[in-house]
C-alpha atoms as a PDB file:
ATOM      1  CA  MET A   1       0.000   0.000   0.000  1.00  0.00           C
ATOM      2  CA  GLN A   2       1.499   3.289  -1.098  1.00  0.00           C
ATOM      3  CA  LEU A   3       0.902   6.234   1.197  1.00  0.00           C
ATOM      4  CA  THR A   4       1.616   9.908   0.688  1.00  0.00           C
ATOM      5  CA  ASN A   5       3.858  11.734   3.154  1.00  0.00           C
ATOM      6  CA  GLU A   6       0.743  13.507   4.431  1.00  0.00           C
ATOM      7  CA  GLU A   7      -0.930  10.146   5.171  1.00  0.00           C
ATOM      8  CA  LYS A   8       2.222   8.814   6.846  1.00  0.00           C
ATOM      9  CA  LYS A   9       2.479  11.940   9.014  1.00  0.00           C
ATOM     10  CA  PHE A  10      -1.202  11.603   9.951  1.00  0.00           C
ATOM     11  CA  LEU A  11      -0.638   7.997  11.130  1.00  0.00           C
ATOM     12  CA  LEU A  12       2.533   8.865  13.051  1.00  0.00           C
ATOM     13  CA  LYS A  13       0.838  11.822  14.764  1.00  0.00           C
ATOM     14  CA  LEU A  14      -2.139   9.596  15.605  1.00  0.00           C
ATOM     15  CA  ALA A  15       0.196   7.022  17.150  1.00  0.00           C
ATOM     16  CA  ARG A  16       2.024   9.643  19.223  1.00  0.00           C
ATOM     17  CA  ASP A  17      -1.197  11.396  20.325  1.00  0.00           C
ATOM     18  CA  THR A  18      -2.720   8.036  21.270  1.00  0.00           C
ATOM     19  CA  ILE A  19       0.246   7.090  23.447  1.00  0.00           C
ATOM     20  CA  TRP A  20       0.188  10.523  25.110  1.00  0.00           C
ATOM     21  CA  ALA A  21      -3.542  10.226  25.842  1.00  0.00           C
ATOM     22  CA  ALA A  22      -3.048   6.767  27.364  1.00  0.00           C
ATOM     23  CA  LEU A  23      -0.120   7.979  29.485  1.00  0.00           C
ATOM     24  CA  ASN A  24      -2.365  10.736  30.856  1.00  0.00           C
ATOM     25  CA  HIS A  25      -5.455   8.524  31.325  1.00  0.00           C
ATOM     26  CA  GLN A  26      -7.379  10.596  28.775  1.00  0.00           C
ATOM     27  CA  PRO A  27      -9.794   9.392  26.096  1.00  0.00           C
ATOM     28  CA  LEU A  28      -8.059   8.270  22.924  1.00  0.00           C
ATOM     29  CA  PRO A  29      -8.100  10.800  20.072  1.00  0.00           C
ATOM     30  CA  GLU A  30     -11.106  10.549  17.780  1.00  0.00           C
ATOM     31  CA  VAL A  31     -10.025  11.477  14.289  1.00  0.00           C
ATOM     32  CA  SER A  32     -11.279  11.478  10.765  1.00  0.00           C
ATOM     33  CA  PRO A  33      -8.666  10.182   8.319  1.00  0.00           C
ATOM     34  CA  PRO A  34      -7.760  12.574   5.484  1.00  0.00           C
ATOM     35  CA  SER A  35      -8.113   9.879   2.787  1.00  0.00           C
ATOM     36  CA  GLU A  36     -10.011   6.705   1.985  1.00  0.00           C
ATOM     37  CA  ILE A  37      -6.831   4.620   1.819  1.00  0.00           C
ATOM     38  CA  LEU A  38      -6.412   5.019   5.592  1.00  0.00           C
ATOM     39  CA  LYS A  39      -9.772   3.289   6.022  1.00  0.00           C
ATOM     40  CA  LYS A  40      -8.600   0.131   4.221  1.00  0.00           C
ATOM     41  CA  ARG A  41      -7.947  -2.999   6.251  1.00  0.00           C
ATOM     42  CA  CYS A  42      -4.388  -4.283   6.291  1.00  0.00           C
ATOM     43  CA  GLY A  43      -1.850  -5.688   8.692  1.00  0.00           C
ATOM     44  CA  THR A  44       0.109  -3.105  10.655  1.00  0.00           C
ATOM     45  CA  PHE A  45       2.920  -3.032  13.211  1.00  0.00           C
ATOM     46  CA  VAL A  46       3.913  -0.136  15.441  1.00  0.00           C
ATOM     47  CA  THR A  47       7.507  -0.125  16.653  1.00  0.00           C
ATOM     48  CA  LEU A  48       8.965   2.145  19.305  1.00  0.00           C
ATOM     49  CA  HIS A  49      12.682   2.914  19.518  1.00  0.00           C
ATOM     50  CA  LYS A  50      14.410   4.708  22.371  1.00  0.00           C
ATOM     51  CA  HIS A  51      17.879   6.040  21.550  1.00  0.00           C
ATOM     52  CA  GLY A  52      17.986   3.675  18.569  1.00  0.00           C
ATOM     53  CA  GLN A  53      17.131   0.584  20.633  1.00  0.00           C
ATOM     54  CA  LEU A  54      13.899  -1.394  20.412  1.00  0.00           C
ATOM     55  CA  ARG A  55      11.450  -0.269  23.119  1.00  0.00           C
ATOM     56  CA  GLY A  56       8.286  -2.047  21.961  1.00  0.00           C
ATOM     57  CA  CYS A  57       6.794  -3.633  18.865  1.00  0.00           C
ATOM     58  CA  ILE A  58       3.332  -5.096  18.464  1.00  0.00           C
ATOM     59  CA  GLY A  59       1.192  -5.557  15.406  1.00  0.00           C
ATOM     60  CA  SER A  60      -1.470  -7.424  13.568  1.00  0.00           C
ATOM     61  CA  LEU A  61      -0.587  -9.474  10.492  1.00  0.00           C
ATOM     62  CA  ILE A  62      -4.118  -9.316   9.131  1.00  0.00           C
ATOM     63  CA  GLY A  63      -6.184  -6.170   8.859  1.00  0.00           C
ATOM     64  CA  GLU A  64      -9.314  -6.656  10.900  1.00  0.00           C
ATOM     65  CA  ARG A  65     -10.018  -2.934  11.288  1.00  0.00           C
ATOM     66  CA  PRO A  66      -9.336   0.178   9.215  1.00  0.00           C
ATOM     67  CA  LEU A  67      -5.629   1.051   9.033  1.00  0.00           C
ATOM     68  CA  TYR A  68      -5.868   4.207  11.131  1.00  0.00           C
ATOM     69  CA  LEU A  69      -7.722   2.383  13.930  1.00  0.00           C
ATOM     70  CA  THR A  70      -5.232  -0.492  13.830  1.00  0.00           C
ATOM     71  CA  VAL A  71      -2.372   2.011  14.173  1.00  0.00           C
ATOM     72  CA  GLN A  72      -4.113   3.480  17.191  1.00  0.00           C
ATOM     73  CA  GLN A  73      -4.635   0.072  18.805  1.00  0.00           C
ATOM     74  CA  MET A  74      -1.100  -1.175  18.060  1.00  0.00           C
ATOM     75  CA  SER A  75       0.381   2.058  19.449  1.00  0.00           C
ATOM     76  CA  ILE A  76      -1.186   1.233  22.811  1.00  0.00           C
ATOM     77  CA  GLU A  77      -0.027  -2.375  22.575  1.00  0.00           C
ATOM     78  CA  ALA A  78       3.576  -1.464  21.656  1.00  0.00           C
ATOM     79  CA  ALA A  79       3.837   1.186  24.373  1.00  0.00           C
ATOM     80  CA  PHE A  80       2.213  -0.673  27.239  1.00  0.00           C
ATOM     81  CA  ARG A  81       1.756  -4.378  26.495  1.00  0.00           C
ATOM     82  CA  ASP A  82       4.877  -5.710  24.791  1.00  0.00           C
ATOM     83  CA  PRO A  83       5.843  -8.442  27.301  1.00  0.00           C
ATOM     84  CA  ARG A  84       9.553  -7.868  26.623  1.00  0.00           C
ATOM     85  CA  PHE A  85       9.459  -4.386  28.163  1.00  0.00           C
ATOM     86  CA  PRO A  86       7.885  -2.552  31.094  1.00  0.00           C
ATOM     87  CA  PRO A  87       5.082  -0.135  30.161  1.00  0.00           C
ATOM     88  CA  LEU A  88       6.278   3.144  28.669  1.00  0.00           C
ATOM     89  CA  THR A  89       6.503   6.032  31.157  1.00  0.00           C
ATOM     90  CA  LYS A  90       5.854   9.752  30.768  1.00  0.00           C
ATOM     91  CA  GLU A  91       9.564  10.345  31.299  1.00  0.00           C
ATOM     92  CA  GLU A  92      10.392   8.227  28.235  1.00  0.00           C
ATOM     93  CA  TYR A  93       7.731   9.702  25.975  1.00  0.00           C
ATOM     94  CA  GLU A  94       9.927  12.419  24.433  1.00  0.00           C
ATOM     95  CA  GLU A  95      12.762   9.921  23.919  1.00  0.00           C
ATOM     96  CA  ILE A  96      10.882   7.511  21.658  1.00  0.00           C
ATOM     97  CA  ASP A  97      10.787   7.422  17.883  1.00  0.00           C
ATOM     98  CA  ILE A  98       7.712   5.813  16.350  1.00  0.00           C
ATOM     99  CA  GLU A  99       7.912   3.573  13.285  1.00  0.00           C
ATOM    100  CA  ILE A 100       4.925   2.127  11.431  1.00  0.00           C
ATOM    101  CA  SER A 101       4.976  -0.874   9.094  1.00  0.00           C
ATOM    102  CA  VAL A 102       1.944  -1.260   6.814  1.00  0.00           C
ATOM    103  CA  LEU A 103       1.873  -4.851   5.578  1.00  0.00           C
ATOM    104  CA  SER A 104       0.924  -6.528   2.324  1.00  0.00           C
ATOM    105  CA  PRO A 105      -1.272  -9.650   2.505  1.00  0.00           C
ATOM    106  CA  LEU A 106       0.493 -12.847   3.611  1.00  0.00           C
ATOM    107  CA  GLN A 107       1.688 -15.211   0.868  1.00  0.00           C
ATOM    108  CA  ARG A 108       2.459 -18.839   1.700  1.00  0.00           C
ATOM    109  CA  ILE A 109       5.657 -20.159   0.147  1.00  0.00           C
ATOM    110  CA  THR A 110       7.087 -23.627  -0.273  1.00  0.00           C
ATOM    111  CA  ASP A 111      10.569 -22.595  -1.447  1.00  0.00           C
ATOM    112  CA  VAL A 112      12.632 -20.419   0.933  1.00  0.00           C
ATOM    113  CA  GLU A 113      14.559 -19.118  -2.087  1.00  0.00           C
ATOM    114  CA  GLN A 114      11.515 -16.901  -2.679  1.00  0.00           C
ATOM    115  CA  ILE A 115      12.437 -14.866   0.409  1.00  0.00           C
ATOM    116  CA  GLU A 116      14.146 -11.601  -0.533  1.00  0.00           C
ATOM    117  CA  VAL A 117      16.071 -10.184   2.417  1.00  0.00           C
ATOM    118  CA  GLY A 118      15.180  -6.540   2.918  1.00  0.00           C
ATOM    119  CA  LYS A 119      11.930  -6.903   0.980  1.00  0.00           C
ATOM    120  CA  HIS A 120      10.080  -9.684   2.786  1.00  0.00           C
ATOM    121  CA  GLY A 121       9.120 -10.309   6.357  1.00  0.00           C
ATOM    122  CA  ILE A 122       8.542 -13.862   7.580  1.00  0.00           C
ATOM    123  CA  PHE A 123       5.657 -15.420   9.473  1.00  0.00           C
ATOM    124  CA  LEU A 124       6.442 -18.995  10.535  1.00  0.00           C
ATOM    125  CA  ILE A 125       4.016 -21.539  11.986  1.00  0.00           C
ATOM    126  CA  LYS A 126       5.028 -24.925  13.352  1.00  0.00           C
ATOM    127  CA  GLY A 127       2.481 -26.738  15.473  1.00  0.00           C
ATOM    128  CA  PHE A 128       1.319 -24.355  18.174  1.00  0.00           C
ATOM    129  CA  TYR A 129       4.362 -22.102  17.735  1.00  0.00           C
ATOM    130  CA  ARG A 130       4.336 -18.879  15.767  1.00  0.00           C
ATOM    131  CA  GLY A 131       6.978 -16.277  15.042  1.00  0.00           C
ATOM    132  CA  VAL A 132       7.105 -13.164  12.923  1.00  0.00           C
ATOM    133  CA  LEU A 133       9.909 -10.806  11.974  1.00  0.00           C
ATOM    134  CA  LEU A 134       9.423  -7.659   9.911  1.00  0.00           C
ATOM    135  CA  PRO A 135      11.428  -7.140   6.694  1.00  0.00           C
ATOM    136  CA  GLN A 136      13.620  -4.412   8.188  1.00  0.00           C
ATOM    137  CA  VAL A 137      14.883  -6.693  10.986  1.00  0.00           C
ATOM    138  CA  ALA A 138      17.074  -8.780   8.674  1.00  0.00           C
ATOM    139  CA  THR A 139      18.559  -5.651   7.144  1.00  0.00           C
ATOM    140  CA  GLU A 140      19.202  -4.021  10.540  1.00  0.00           C
ATOM    141  CA  TYR A 141      21.150  -7.074  11.730  1.00  0.00           C
ATOM    142  CA  GLY A 142      22.847  -7.904   8.420  1.00  0.00           C
ATOM    143  CA  TRP A 143      21.315 -11.383   8.233  1.00  0.00           C
ATOM    144  CA  ASP A 144      21.170 -13.531   5.128  1.00  0.00           C
ATOM    145  CA  ARG A 145      18.032 -15.512   4.225  1.00  0.00           C
ATOM    146  CA  TYR A 146      18.939 -18.510   6.379  1.00  0.00           C
ATOM    147  CA  GLN A 147      19.882 -16.469   9.435  1.00  0.00           C
ATOM    148  CA  PHE A 148      16.583 -14.617   9.032  1.00  0.00           C
ATOM    149  CA  LEU A 149      14.711 -17.923   8.976  1.00  0.00           C
ATOM    150  CA  ASP A 150      16.653 -19.205  12.003  1.00  0.00           C
ATOM    151  CA  HIS A 151      15.877 -16.047  13.978  1.00  0.00           C
ATOM    152  CA  THR A 152      12.205 -16.351  13.067  1.00  0.00           C
ATOM    153  CA  CYS A 153      12.326 -19.879  14.535  1.00  0.00           C
ATOM    154  CA  LEU A 154      13.887 -18.464  17.712  1.00  0.00           C
ATOM    155  CA  LYS A 155      11.209 -15.761  17.874  1.00  0.00           C
ATOM    156  CA  ALA A 156       8.618 -18.563  17.742  1.00  0.00           C
ATOM    157  CA  GLY A 157      10.302 -20.288  20.677  1.00  0.00           C
ATOM    158  CA  LEU A 158      11.783 -23.028  18.500  1.00  0.00           C
ATOM    159  CA  PRO A 159      15.372 -24.025  17.731  1.00  0.00           C
ATOM    160  CA  PRO A 160      17.197 -22.603  14.703  1.00  0.00           C
ATOM    161  CA  GLY A 161      16.618 -24.689  11.596  1.00  0.00           C
ATOM    162  CA  CYS A 162      13.032 -25.562  12.550  1.00  0.00           C
ATOM    163  CA  TRP A 163      11.935 -24.084   9.234  1.00  0.00           C
ATOM    164  CA  GLN A 164      13.531 -27.018   7.367  1.00  0.00           C
ATOM    165  CA  SER A 165      10.847 -29.554   8.285  1.00  0.00           C
ATOM    166  CA  GLY A 166       7.136 -29.226   8.832  1.00  0.00           C
ATOM    167  CA  ALA A 167       6.884 -25.458   9.143  1.00  0.00           C
ATOM    168  CA  GLU A 168       4.454 -23.245   7.254  1.00  0.00           C
ATOM    169  CA  ILE A 169       6.239 -20.154   5.959  1.00  0.00           C
ATOM    170  CA  TYR A 170       4.511 -16.980   4.836  1.00  0.00           C
ATOM    171  CA  ILE A 171       6.125 -13.860   3.433  1.00  0.00           C
ATOM    172  CA  PHE A 172       4.911 -10.287   3.238  1.00  0.00           C
ATOM    173  CA  SER A 173       6.305  -6.893   2.366  1.00  0.00           C
ATOM    174  CA  ALA A 174       5.915  -3.669   4.301  1.00  0.00           C
ATOM    175  CA  ASN A 175       5.738   0.056   3.731  1.00  0.00           C
ATOM    176  CA  VAL A 176       7.921   1.201   6.641  1.00  0.00           C
ATOM    177  CA  PHE A 177       8.173   4.824   7.796  1.00  0.00           C
ATOM    178  CA  SER A 178       9.113   6.636  10.985  1.00  0.00           C
ATOM    179  CA  GLU A 179       9.060  10.058  12.583  1.00  0.00           C
ATOM    180  CA  LYS A 180      12.830  10.200  12.119  1.00  0.00           C
ATOM    181  CA  ASP A 181      12.542   9.353   8.389  1.00  0.00           C
ATOM    182  CA  LEU A 182       9.983  12.097   7.821  1.00  0.00           C
ATOM    183  CA  GLY A 183      11.810  14.680   9.923  1.00  0.00           C
ATOM    184  CA  ILE A 184       8.983  14.960  12.426  1.00  0.00           C
ATOM    185  CA  ARG A 185      11.245  14.464  15.479  1.00  0.00           C
END
């Protein structure tokens, strides 16, 4: 999904305003999106960074609600409910950079050679275990395709190499943008 800079800025501001409202126990912002594309349903992740380090990341692979409402919901989840981190505090609020990843539909693959590092994210299912890594993660860590797959196994709570037998593998792409990228912060 291609978004204009205006639409990206709207979503980033909505995410930041939503987190601020939650921090202050205020009602969440009620907004009207500036375009119809922001009302489409698609998977979305919200990622928070603090001084360049991950501070929270939660998302939905499948769009069950309009994009702008999913961004709002995932902003709350990333800030306060990522089990890897304590809830965000008011003191940290000014130190975070918000990144949004708008996802394409999932595509099941049977050949891992179809995975393009830097373009595709991976969603892996094996039994009751599930793991997902966004496309930018492999690039950030300098992983090749197989390292990316191994780390997706680890994210699912499975050993590296689990993808080689009996795993369902899905790929997706993402339109990724942040406050830093757009010069907002």
